[in-house]
């Protein structure tokens, strides 16, 4: 086991400086007294007695300081023996969170007295009572300590400089030793903050792992949701084209041409979770062109999407799902058909996309399972969280409007 000798040059230099400082102070006192009383044998004996007792007390105080410091630090050098100590820590969080962490730790100390916090300049000063740990009770001495903290903001981290010192001017350090009080404060506060920082890093690491797992789960669920939508449309279209090949080959050929255009816009991004509003509108228009062949004049479509919004990120197939739902449950069952509207707008930091129809409406009986709308809600929630929504409203005089809203900024980062 390695041991550190207490009689190193720095320790000897520190002790000599302290004894010499008190010796000069005592000599000065004696000379001052002699100036007013004059020199005689009696005063000389008093001076020698005063000097001997003073040196003995000085050495005793020095030994106490050395012993306590060695017990705290495990070694002695100029830094551990000093009354003033500095520590520098890095916090893996914002400067406000770091300031809260430091404040919580300092307020939790049993010898905490008071605190001044400057949140504008990220500074903090705490006053600590200097408890006499050798006494039978926990009464405080007339000395107190300060903890000064300055935080510097950074990118993802912040740097904190902590200064532990007596609540007195530096000149007193020549004659007054703190018996390791401020070293004890530095070790205690640093240990507590280091533990908090480690907990924060563990928490951040666990959160990152959870986020990665949730993202993988979301991607898996999105692919499952997409798989529930794409085959349904393809099967219906191919079945309709098969029937038309017998009764109207020209219309069947036109339908297959629109289907090819639809697949051309769909298949390159089939595995992509994100598309754009412009791409999704084109996909929906190709989808509507296919349905117009089957429904004829019974289906009209109006698209009101600003060109400036066509690059807005949008999860793939959401718009088509709403369009398909409006056709299937609103317009197709209606004897005279109707009109379908696709609209998009920005509302502050939110995107609003609606699909409206003047079909049978919400009160109409339907054999549908509602799977399409559930898929839309699930995907919006998985991608955007609680701020995203899908709402249904009744149109006047008939029909339904389905409106999905989601954050623009999050959509752009997704």
Foldseek 3Di string as FASTA:
>chain_A
DDAEDAPDPQNVVLLVLLLVLQLVVLVVVLVVVCVVVNDDPVSVVVSVVVNVVSSVVSVVVSVLLSVLLCVLPVYDGNASQFQKHKDKDKAQAFLVVVLVQLVVLLVPDPQWDDKDADPVQSKIKTKGFQFDPPDPDGDGDPKIKMWIWGWAGDDSMIMIMIMIHTPDDPVCRSHDGSSRRSVVVVVSSVVSVVVVRVVVVVVVVVVVVVVVVLVVVLLVVLLVLLVVPVVVLVVVLVVVLVVCCVVPVVLSVVLVVLVVVLCVLDVVCVSPQKDFQLSQVSNLVSSVSNVCSVVPPLEAEEEAEDPVRRRQIDTPPLVNLQVVCCVVPFFVVAPSGWYWYWHWDDDDQKIKIKIKIQGAADPDDDPDPCSSVVSNQSSQCSQANPVWDWDWDADPPGIIMIMIMGGRVSSVVD
